[in-house]
Each structure stands twice: as C-alpha cells, then as structure tokens.
Amino acid sequence: MTTFCLDTNAFIEAFRYYPRDPFGKLWDTLEAWGQEGRIAAPHEVLEELSKIEDDLYGWAKTQAELFRQPEEAVQRQVIAILKAHPEWVDAETQRPVADPWVIAQACVDGRTVVTQERPAGGPGGLPKIPNVCDEMEIGCVAWLGLVREMQLGY
C-alpha cells in the first residue's frame, strides 16, 4: 500500500479543481486516508495554508491527524536537506518554506510526495521538490497520481 505526503499546492489544486460539491467522495476519501495514516503532511503545510483564510484552510484545521508535528528524525532530515539546498531558506525570515519538511517527512516515513511542482530545468536554477526527491530517491507524483491510487471510479 502506497502512503503519501502532500505538499501545500496539492491541497490547493484539490480545492481549486475538485470542490467538495460535486467531488464529495474524493474529500471523504482524503479525510478517511488522513485518519488511517495513508496521507499526511507536515505541520508547516498547514501553516502555509493558514496564510490564506479560506474554506480550504477551514477544512484543513479540522484534519488534525493529517498534519504532523515534526519528530526529531524529520527535523534532522530537514537540516540535511537545507545543507544541500540552502536556497530553500527564506532570506527575510530565515525560515524554510514547507518544501524541505514535505520531503523530510516522506523520507522518514517512506512515503511518496504529492506535489504540483514541475522539476526545475538546467543548472543554476532553484531546485523544485521533484528534483530533490529524485536526488534522494523518493517517489514523487502529481495530484493525479494520488487520485488514481484512490480508485474512486468517477
């Protein structure tokens, strides 16, 4: 059974293109999988979602079991990722965006990352989640990969 770690933009994509009405079965499955531990996201994803007070954040706040507080192993993995990719630290706040936390959570838990990011092209560009997942040999799929795994039968 594949388990997944979702990036912020995976939730945004779901909310934008698959609203609860008429895709209630999809959201019911997301909630059930969150309770079962088949999907997860680091707490930093919830923090990113909180920056936009909307219905998605309202829903996310009710899914406490889905958003994980970072364990020590995840924190150590984030440090290693940021050493390899210091450009992921926000220069103004000195805080990393959720990206390294998503990858670290997936790495520690043996999950596949779900993101809508596309790999960065060429040397010198900022790495994207798929680039770092590839480098670390972590599975990475777009939102559609998760929906296919759900086998909802729409």
N, C-alpha and C. Protein backbone atom coordinates (compact mmCIF):
# COMPACT_ATOMS: atom_id res chain seq x y z
N MET A 1 0.84 -1.18 0.00
CA MET A 1 0.00 0.00 0.00
C MET A 1 0.89 1.25 0.00
N THR A 2 0.67 2.11 -0.95
CA THR A 2 1.42 3.36 -1.03
C THR A 2 0.85 4.36 -0.04
N THR A 3 1.74 5.06 0.65
CA THR A 3 1.32 6.17 1.51
C THR A 3 1.94 7.45 0.94
N PHE A 4 1.31 8.56 1.22
CA PHE A 4 1.67 9.81 0.56
C PHE A 4 1.90 10.94 1.56
N CYS A 5 2.76 11.87 1.18
CA CYS A 5 2.99 13.11 1.91
C CYS A 5 2.67 14.26 0.96
N LEU A 6 1.71 15.09 1.33
CA LEU A 6 1.22 16.12 0.43
C LEU A 6 1.87 17.48 0.66
N ASP A 7 2.23 18.11 -0.44
CA ASP A 7 2.73 19.47 -0.45
C ASP A 7 1.54 20.43 -0.40
N THR A 8 1.79 21.65 -0.03
CA THR A 8 0.74 22.66 0.07
C THR A 8 -0.03 22.78 -1.25
N ASN A 9 0.68 22.80 -2.35
CA ASN A 9 -0.01 23.01 -3.63
C ASN A 9 -0.87 21.82 -4.04
N ALA A 10 -0.65 20.66 -3.46
CA ALA A 10 -1.54 19.52 -3.75
C ALA A 10 -2.92 19.78 -3.14
N PHE A 11 -2.94 20.34 -1.94
CA PHE A 11 -4.23 20.69 -1.33
C PHE A 11 -4.90 21.82 -2.11
N ILE A 12 -4.13 22.80 -2.51
CA ILE A 12 -4.68 23.93 -3.26
C ILE A 12 -5.26 23.45 -4.58
N GLU A 13 -4.55 22.57 -5.26
CA GLU A 13 -5.03 22.00 -6.53
C GLU A 13 -6.35 21.26 -6.32
N ALA A 14 -6.41 20.45 -5.28
CA ALA A 14 -7.64 19.70 -5.00
C ALA A 14 -8.80 20.65 -4.74
N PHE A 15 -8.56 21.66 -3.94
CA PHE A 15 -9.60 22.61 -3.57
C PHE A 15 -10.08 23.41 -4.79
N ARG A 16 -9.14 23.78 -5.65
CA ARG A 16 -9.48 24.60 -6.82
C ARG A 16 -10.24 23.82 -7.88
N TYR A 17 -9.78 22.62 -8.19
CA TYR A 17 -10.32 21.88 -9.33
C TYR A 17 -11.28 20.75 -8.96
N TYR A 18 -11.31 20.37 -7.70
CA TYR A 18 -12.18 19.28 -7.26
C TYR A 18 -12.94 19.70 -6.00
N PRO A 19 -13.83 20.68 -6.12
CA PRO A 19 -14.56 21.14 -4.93
C PRO A 19 -15.42 20.03 -4.34
N ARG A 20 -15.68 20.18 -3.06
CA ARG A 20 -16.44 19.15 -2.34
C ARG A 20 -17.76 18.84 -3.05
N ASP A 21 -18.36 19.83 -3.63
CA ASP A 21 -19.56 19.61 -4.44
C ASP A 21 -19.15 19.85 -5.88
N PRO A 22 -19.03 18.88 -6.70
CA PRO A 22 -19.63 17.55 -6.71
C PRO A 22 -18.67 16.40 -6.38
N PHE A 23 -17.48 16.68 -5.84
CA PHE A 23 -16.49 15.64 -5.61
C PHE A 23 -16.42 15.23 -4.13
N GLY A 24 -17.57 15.09 -3.51
CA GLY A 24 -17.62 14.72 -2.09
C GLY A 24 -16.91 13.42 -1.78
N LYS A 25 -17.02 12.44 -2.67
CA LYS A 25 -16.38 11.15 -2.45
C LYS A 25 -14.85 11.29 -2.35
N LEU A 26 -14.30 12.18 -3.16
CA LEU A 26 -12.86 12.44 -3.11
C LEU A 26 -12.46 12.98 -1.75
N TRP A 27 -13.20 13.97 -1.25
CA TRP A 27 -12.88 14.59 0.04
C TRP A 27 -13.13 13.64 1.19
N ASP A 28 -14.17 12.82 1.08
CA ASP A 28 -14.41 11.80 2.11
C ASP A 28 -13.24 10.83 2.18
N THR A 29 -12.71 10.46 1.00
CA THR A 29 -11.57 9.55 0.95
C THR A 29 -10.32 10.23 1.53
N LEU A 30 -10.10 11.49 1.20
CA LEU A 30 -8.96 12.22 1.79
C LEU A 30 -9.05 12.21 3.32
N GLU A 31 -10.22 12.49 3.84
CA GLU A 31 -10.41 12.50 5.29
C GLU A 31 -10.16 11.12 5.89
N ALA A 32 -10.72 10.10 5.26
CA ALA A 32 -10.53 8.73 5.77
C ALA A 32 -9.06 8.32 5.69
N TRP A 33 -8.40 8.63 4.59
CA TRP A 33 -6.99 8.28 4.45
C TRP A 33 -6.13 9.04 5.45
N GLY A 34 -6.52 10.27 5.77
CA GLY A 34 -5.80 11.02 6.79
C GLY A 34 -5.93 10.35 8.15
N GLN A 35 -7.12 9.88 8.48
CA GLN A 35 -7.35 9.19 9.74
C GLN A 35 -6.61 7.87 9.79
N GLU A 36 -6.51 7.21 8.65
CA GLU A 36 -5.82 5.92 8.58
C GLU A 36 -4.30 6.06 8.46
N GLY A 37 -3.83 7.28 8.21
CA GLY A 37 -2.39 7.49 8.04
C GLY A 37 -1.88 7.24 6.64
N ARG A 38 -2.77 7.04 5.68
CA ARG A 38 -2.31 6.81 4.30
C ARG A 38 -1.84 8.10 3.64
N ILE A 39 -2.38 9.24 4.09
CA ILE A 39 -1.86 10.52 3.64
C ILE A 39 -1.48 11.32 4.88
N ALA A 40 -0.49 12.17 4.71
CA ALA A 40 -0.04 13.03 5.79
C ALA A 40 0.61 14.26 5.17
N ALA A 41 0.84 15.23 6.02
CA ALA A 41 1.59 16.43 5.62
C ALA A 41 2.22 16.99 6.87
N PRO A 42 3.37 17.61 6.73
CA PRO A 42 3.98 18.24 7.90
C PRO A 42 3.16 19.46 8.32
N HIS A 43 3.26 19.81 9.58
CA HIS A 43 2.53 20.95 10.13
C HIS A 43 2.84 22.24 9.36
N GLU A 44 4.02 22.34 8.77
CA GLU A 44 4.39 23.53 8.00
C GLU A 44 3.47 23.75 6.80
N VAL A 45 2.90 22.68 6.26
CA VAL A 45 1.93 22.82 5.17
C VAL A 45 0.68 23.51 5.69
N LEU A 46 0.22 23.11 6.86
CA LEU A 46 -0.94 23.77 7.47
C LEU A 46 -0.64 25.25 7.71
N GLU A 47 0.58 25.55 8.14
CA GLU A 47 0.97 26.95 8.34
C GLU A 47 0.91 27.73 7.03
N GLU A 48 1.36 27.12 5.94
CA GLU A 48 1.27 27.80 4.64
C GLU A 48 -0.18 28.01 4.24
N LEU A 49 -1.02 27.01 4.48
CA LEU A 49 -2.44 27.15 4.15
C LEU A 49 -3.11 28.24 4.98
N SER A 50 -2.62 28.47 6.19
CA SER A 50 -3.23 29.47 7.08
C SER A 50 -3.03 30.89 6.58
N LYS A 51 -2.09 31.09 5.68
CA LYS A 51 -1.82 32.43 5.17
C LYS A 51 -2.96 32.95 4.30
N ILE A 52 -3.81 32.04 3.85
CA ILE A 52 -4.99 32.42 3.07
C ILE A 52 -6.20 31.90 3.83
N GLU A 53 -6.88 32.77 4.53
CA GLU A 53 -8.07 32.36 5.29
C GLU A 53 -9.20 32.08 4.31
N ASP A 54 -9.37 30.83 3.95
CA ASP A 54 -10.44 30.45 3.04
C ASP A 54 -11.04 29.12 3.49
N ASP A 55 -11.94 28.58 2.68
CA ASP A 55 -12.60 27.32 3.04
C ASP A 55 -11.62 26.16 3.10
N LEU A 56 -10.58 26.19 2.28
CA LEU A 56 -9.58 25.12 2.33
C LEU A 56 -8.90 25.10 3.68
N TYR A 57 -8.46 26.25 4.17
CA TYR A 57 -7.84 26.30 5.49
C TYR A 57 -8.85 25.90 6.57
N GLY A 58 -10.08 26.33 6.42
CA GLY A 58 -11.12 25.91 7.37
C GLY A 58 -11.24 24.40 7.44
N TRP A 59 -11.21 23.74 6.28
CA TRP A 59 -11.27 22.27 6.24
C TRP A 59 -10.00 21.69 6.85
N ALA A 60 -8.85 22.23 6.46
CA ALA A 60 -7.57 21.68 6.92
C ALA A 60 -7.47 21.72 8.45
N LYS A 61 -7.97 22.79 9.06
CA LYS A 61 -7.90 22.91 10.52
C LYS A 61 -8.67 21.79 11.22
N THR A 62 -9.63 21.19 10.54
CA THR A 62 -10.42 20.11 11.15
C THR A 62 -9.77 18.74 10.95
N GLN A 63 -8.64 18.69 10.26
CA GLN A 63 -7.97 17.43 9.94
C GLN A 63 -6.68 17.27 10.74
N ALA A 64 -6.79 17.37 12.06
CA ALA A 64 -5.62 17.38 12.94
C ALA A 64 -4.71 16.17 12.74
N GLU A 65 -5.28 15.00 12.50
CA GLU A 65 -4.47 13.79 12.37
C GLU A 65 -3.68 13.75 11.06
N LEU A 66 -4.05 14.57 10.12
CA LEU A 66 -3.37 14.60 8.83
C LEU A 66 -2.07 15.41 8.90
N PHE A 67 -2.06 16.49 9.69
CA PHE A 67 -0.91 17.39 9.75
C PHE A 67 -0.03 17.03 10.94
N ARG A 68 1.19 16.62 10.65
CA ARG A 68 2.10 16.08 11.66
C ARG A 68 3.06 17.11 12.22
N GLN A 69 3.22 17.11 13.52
CA GLN A 69 4.28 17.90 14.16
C GLN A 69 5.60 17.18 13.86
N PRO A 70 6.66 17.92 13.63
CA PRO A 70 7.92 17.27 13.23
C PRO A 70 8.58 16.50 14.38
N GLU A 71 8.86 15.24 14.12
CA GLU A 71 9.61 14.42 15.06
C GLU A 71 11.09 14.74 14.88
N GLU A 72 11.89 14.28 15.81
CA GLU A 72 13.33 14.56 15.76
C GLU A 72 13.96 14.04 14.46
N ALA A 73 13.56 12.87 14.01
CA ALA A 73 14.14 12.32 12.78
C ALA A 73 13.81 13.20 11.58
N VAL A 74 12.61 13.75 11.55
CA VAL A 74 12.22 14.64 10.46
C VAL A 74 13.03 15.94 10.54
N GLN A 75 13.21 16.46 11.73
CA GLN A 75 14.00 17.69 11.90
C GLN A 75 15.43 17.48 11.43
N ARG A 76 16.02 16.34 11.77
CA ARG A 76 17.39 16.04 11.31
C ARG A 76 17.44 15.96 9.79
N GLN A 77 16.42 15.36 9.20
CA GLN A 77 16.39 15.24 7.74
C GLN A 77 16.24 16.61 7.09
N VAL A 78 15.44 17.50 7.67
CA VAL A 78 15.30 18.86 7.14
C VAL A 78 16.65 19.57 7.16
N ILE A 79 17.38 19.42 8.25
CA ILE A 79 18.71 20.05 8.36
C ILE A 79 19.61 19.55 7.23
N ALA A 80 19.58 18.26 6.97
CA ALA A 80 20.42 17.70 5.90
C ALA A 80 19.98 18.24 4.53
N ILE A 81 18.68 18.33 4.31
CA ILE A 81 18.18 18.86 3.03
C ILE A 81 18.60 20.31 2.86
N LEU A 82 18.48 21.10 3.92
CA LEU A 82 18.82 22.52 3.83
C LEU A 82 20.33 22.74 3.69
N LYS A 83 21.12 21.83 4.21
CA LYS A 83 22.57 21.93 3.98
C LYS A 83 22.87 21.71 2.50
N ALA A 84 22.16 20.79 1.89
CA ALA A 84 22.34 20.52 0.47
C ALA A 84 21.70 21.59 -0.41
N HIS A 85 20.64 22.25 0.11
CA HIS A 85 19.89 23.24 -0.67
C HIS A 85 19.58 24.47 0.18
N PRO A 86 20.62 25.24 0.53
CA PRO A 86 20.42 26.40 1.40
C PRO A 86 19.53 27.48 0.78
N GLU A 87 19.34 27.45 -0.52
CA GLU A 87 18.49 28.43 -1.18
C GLU A 87 17.00 28.27 -0.80
N TRP A 88 16.67 27.18 -0.14
CA TRP A 88 15.28 26.98 0.30
C TRP A 88 14.96 27.72 1.59
N VAL A 89 15.93 28.38 2.18
CA VAL A 89 15.66 29.17 3.38
C VAL A 89 15.24 30.57 2.93
N ASP A 90 14.12 31.05 3.44
CA ASP A 90 13.64 32.39 3.14
C ASP A 90 14.62 33.41 3.72
N ALA A 91 15.21 34.23 2.88
CA ALA A 91 16.24 35.17 3.31
C ALA A 91 15.73 36.18 4.32
N GLU A 92 14.46 36.57 4.24
CA GLU A 92 13.92 37.57 5.16
C GLU A 92 13.63 36.99 6.54
N THR A 93 13.02 35.83 6.57
CA THR A 93 12.60 35.26 7.86
C THR A 93 13.57 34.22 8.38
N GLN A 94 14.49 33.75 7.54
CA GLN A 94 15.42 32.68 7.89
C GLN A 94 14.69 31.37 8.18
N ARG A 95 13.44 31.27 7.76
CA ARG A 95 12.69 30.02 7.94
C ARG A 95 12.53 29.35 6.59
N PRO A 96 12.66 28.05 6.56
CA PRO A 96 12.44 27.35 5.30
C PRO A 96 10.96 27.31 4.96
N VAL A 97 10.68 27.25 3.69
CA VAL A 97 9.31 27.02 3.26
C VAL A 97 8.97 25.57 3.57
N ALA A 98 7.76 25.16 3.30
CA ALA A 98 7.32 23.80 3.64
C ALA A 98 8.03 22.71 2.82
N ASP A 99 8.58 23.06 1.67
CA ASP A 99 9.15 22.05 0.78
C ASP A 99 10.11 21.08 1.46
N PRO A 100 11.14 21.54 2.19
CA PRO A 100 12.04 20.55 2.80
C PRO A 100 11.35 19.70 3.86
N TRP A 101 10.34 20.25 4.51
CA TRP A 101 9.60 19.49 5.52
C TRP A 101 8.78 18.38 4.87
N VAL A 102 8.20 18.66 3.71
CA VAL A 102 7.43 17.64 2.98
C VAL A 102 8.35 16.50 2.59
N ILE A 103 9.49 16.83 2.02
CA ILE A 103 10.42 15.80 1.58
C ILE A 103 10.97 15.02 2.77
N ALA A 104 11.31 15.73 3.84
CA ALA A 104 11.84 15.06 5.03
C ALA A 104 10.81 14.10 5.63
N GLN A 105 9.56 14.53 5.73
CA GLN A 105 8.51 13.67 6.27
C GLN A 105 8.35 12.42 5.40
N ALA A 106 8.36 12.62 4.08
CA ALA A 106 8.24 11.49 3.16
C ALA A 106 9.42 10.54 3.31
N CYS A 107 10.61 11.09 3.43
CA CYS A 107 11.81 10.28 3.56
C CYS A 107 11.77 9.44 4.83
N VAL A 108 11.46 10.06 5.96
CA VAL A 108 11.45 9.36 7.25
C VAL A 108 10.35 8.31 7.29
N ASP A 109 9.18 8.63 6.73
CA ASP A 109 8.03 7.72 6.79
C ASP A 109 7.97 6.73 5.63
N GLY A 110 8.83 6.88 4.62
CA GLY A 110 8.77 6.01 3.44
C GLY A 110 7.56 6.30 2.57
N ARG A 111 7.20 7.57 2.43
CA ARG A 111 6.03 7.99 1.67
C ARG A 111 6.42 8.51 0.29
N THR A 112 5.45 8.58 -0.59
CA THR A 112 5.59 9.21 -1.89
C THR A 112 5.09 10.65 -1.76
N VAL A 113 5.84 11.59 -2.29
CA VAL A 113 5.46 13.00 -2.25
C VAL A 113 4.42 13.29 -3.32
N VAL A 114 3.43 14.11 -2.97
CA VAL A 114 2.44 14.59 -3.93
C VAL A 114 2.62 16.10 -4.04
N THR A 115 2.96 16.56 -5.24
CA THR A 115 3.16 17.99 -5.48
C THR A 115 2.78 18.32 -6.92
N GLN A 116 2.41 19.56 -7.12
CA GLN A 116 2.13 20.04 -8.48
C GLN A 116 3.35 20.72 -9.09
N GLU A 117 4.44 20.81 -8.35
CA GLU A 117 5.64 21.42 -8.89
C GLU A 117 6.20 20.56 -10.02
N ARG A 118 6.79 21.24 -10.98
CA ARG A 118 7.50 20.56 -12.06
C ARG A 118 8.99 20.70 -11.79
N PRO A 119 9.77 19.74 -12.22
CA PRO A 119 11.22 19.83 -11.99
C PRO A 119 11.78 21.11 -12.60
N ALA A 120 12.78 21.66 -11.93
CA ALA A 120 13.49 22.83 -12.46
C ALA A 120 14.38 22.36 -13.60
N GLY A 121 14.49 23.17 -14.61
CA GLY A 121 15.33 22.80 -15.75
C GLY A 121 16.67 23.50 -15.71
N GLY A 122 17.69 22.77 -15.99
CA GLY A 122 19.03 23.35 -16.14
C GLY A 122 19.73 23.66 -14.84
N PRO A 123 21.03 23.73 -14.91
CA PRO A 123 21.83 24.04 -13.73
C PRO A 123 21.66 25.51 -13.32
N GLY A 124 21.85 25.77 -12.05
CA GLY A 124 21.79 27.14 -11.56
C GLY A 124 20.41 27.60 -11.13
N GLY A 125 19.38 26.90 -11.53
CA GLY A 125 18.03 27.28 -11.12
C GLY A 125 17.73 26.72 -9.73
N LEU A 126 16.74 27.32 -9.08
CA LEU A 126 16.34 26.80 -7.77
C LEU A 126 15.74 25.42 -7.94
N PRO A 127 16.14 24.48 -7.12
CA PRO A 127 15.57 23.14 -7.24
C PRO A 127 14.11 23.14 -6.81
N LYS A 128 13.38 22.28 -7.39
CA LYS A 128 11.98 22.08 -7.04
C LYS A 128 11.85 20.74 -6.33
N ILE A 129 10.72 20.51 -5.72
CA ILE A 129 10.51 19.26 -4.98
C ILE A 129 10.84 18.03 -5.82
N PRO A 130 10.37 17.94 -7.08
CA PRO A 130 10.70 16.73 -7.85
C PRO A 130 12.21 16.52 -8.04
N ASN A 131 12.96 17.62 -8.18
CA ASN A 131 14.42 17.49 -8.32
C ASN A 131 15.04 16.87 -7.07
N VAL A 132 14.65 17.37 -5.91
CA VAL A 132 15.24 16.89 -4.66
C VAL A 132 14.75 15.47 -4.37
N CYS A 133 13.50 15.19 -4.67
CA CYS A 133 13.01 13.81 -4.48
C CYS A 133 13.79 12.84 -5.36
N ASP A 134 14.04 13.24 -6.60
CA ASP A 134 14.81 12.39 -7.50
C ASP A 134 16.22 12.18 -6.95
N GLU A 135 16.82 13.26 -6.50
CA GLU A 135 18.17 13.19 -5.93
C GLU A 135 18.22 12.25 -4.72
N MET A 136 17.15 12.26 -3.91
CA MET A 136 17.10 11.45 -2.70
C MET A 136 16.42 10.09 -2.90
N GLU A 137 16.02 9.81 -4.15
CA GLU A 137 15.34 8.56 -4.50
C GLU A 137 14.05 8.37 -3.71
N ILE A 138 13.27 9.44 -3.67
CA ILE A 138 11.95 9.42 -3.02
C ILE A 138 10.91 9.53 -4.12
N GLY A 139 9.88 8.70 -4.06
CA GLY A 139 8.82 8.77 -5.06
C GLY A 139 8.13 10.13 -5.04
N CYS A 140 7.74 10.60 -6.22
CA CYS A 140 7.11 11.91 -6.33
C CYS A 140 6.10 11.86 -7.48
N VAL A 141 4.85 12.20 -7.16
CA VAL A 141 3.79 12.20 -8.17
C VAL A 141 3.02 13.51 -8.10
N ALA A 142 2.32 13.81 -9.18
CA ALA A 142 1.41 14.95 -9.20
C ALA A 142 0.09 14.51 -8.55
N TRP A 143 -0.79 15.47 -8.33
CA TRP A 143 -2.09 15.22 -7.71
C TRP A 143 -2.82 14.05 -8.36
N LEU A 144 -2.76 13.98 -9.70
CA LEU A 144 -3.45 12.91 -10.41
C LEU A 144 -2.95 11.53 -9.99
N GLY A 145 -1.69 11.41 -9.62
CA GLY A 145 -1.17 10.13 -9.15
C GLY A 145 -1.86 9.66 -7.88
N LEU A 146 -2.13 10.59 -6.98
CA LEU A 146 -2.86 10.25 -5.76
C LEU A 146 -4.30 9.89 -6.07
N VAL A 147 -4.94 10.66 -6.95
CA VAL A 147 -6.33 10.37 -7.30
C VAL A 147 -6.44 8.99 -7.96
N ARG A 148 -5.49 8.66 -8.80
CA ARG A 148 -5.51 7.32 -9.42
C ARG A 148 -5.38 6.22 -8.37
N GLU A 149 -4.54 6.45 -7.38
CA GLU A 149 -4.36 5.47 -6.29
C GLU A 149 -5.67 5.27 -5.52
N MET A 150 -6.46 6.31 -5.42
CA MET A 150 -7.73 6.24 -4.68
C MET A 150 -8.76 5.34 -5.37
N GLN A 151 -8.66 5.19 -6.68
CA GLN A 151 -9.58 4.36 -7.45
C GLN A 151 -11.03 4.67 -7.11
N LEU A 152 -11.40 5.92 -7.28
CA LEU A 152 -12.74 6.37 -6.90
C LEU A 152 -13.82 5.97 -7.89
N GLY A 153 -13.45 5.66 -9.10
CA GLY A 153 -14.43 5.23 -10.06
C GLY A 153 -15.32 6.33 -10.59
N TYR A 154 -14.82 7.54 -10.69
CA TYR A 154 -15.62 8.64 -11.26
C TYR A 154 -15.79 8.40 -12.75
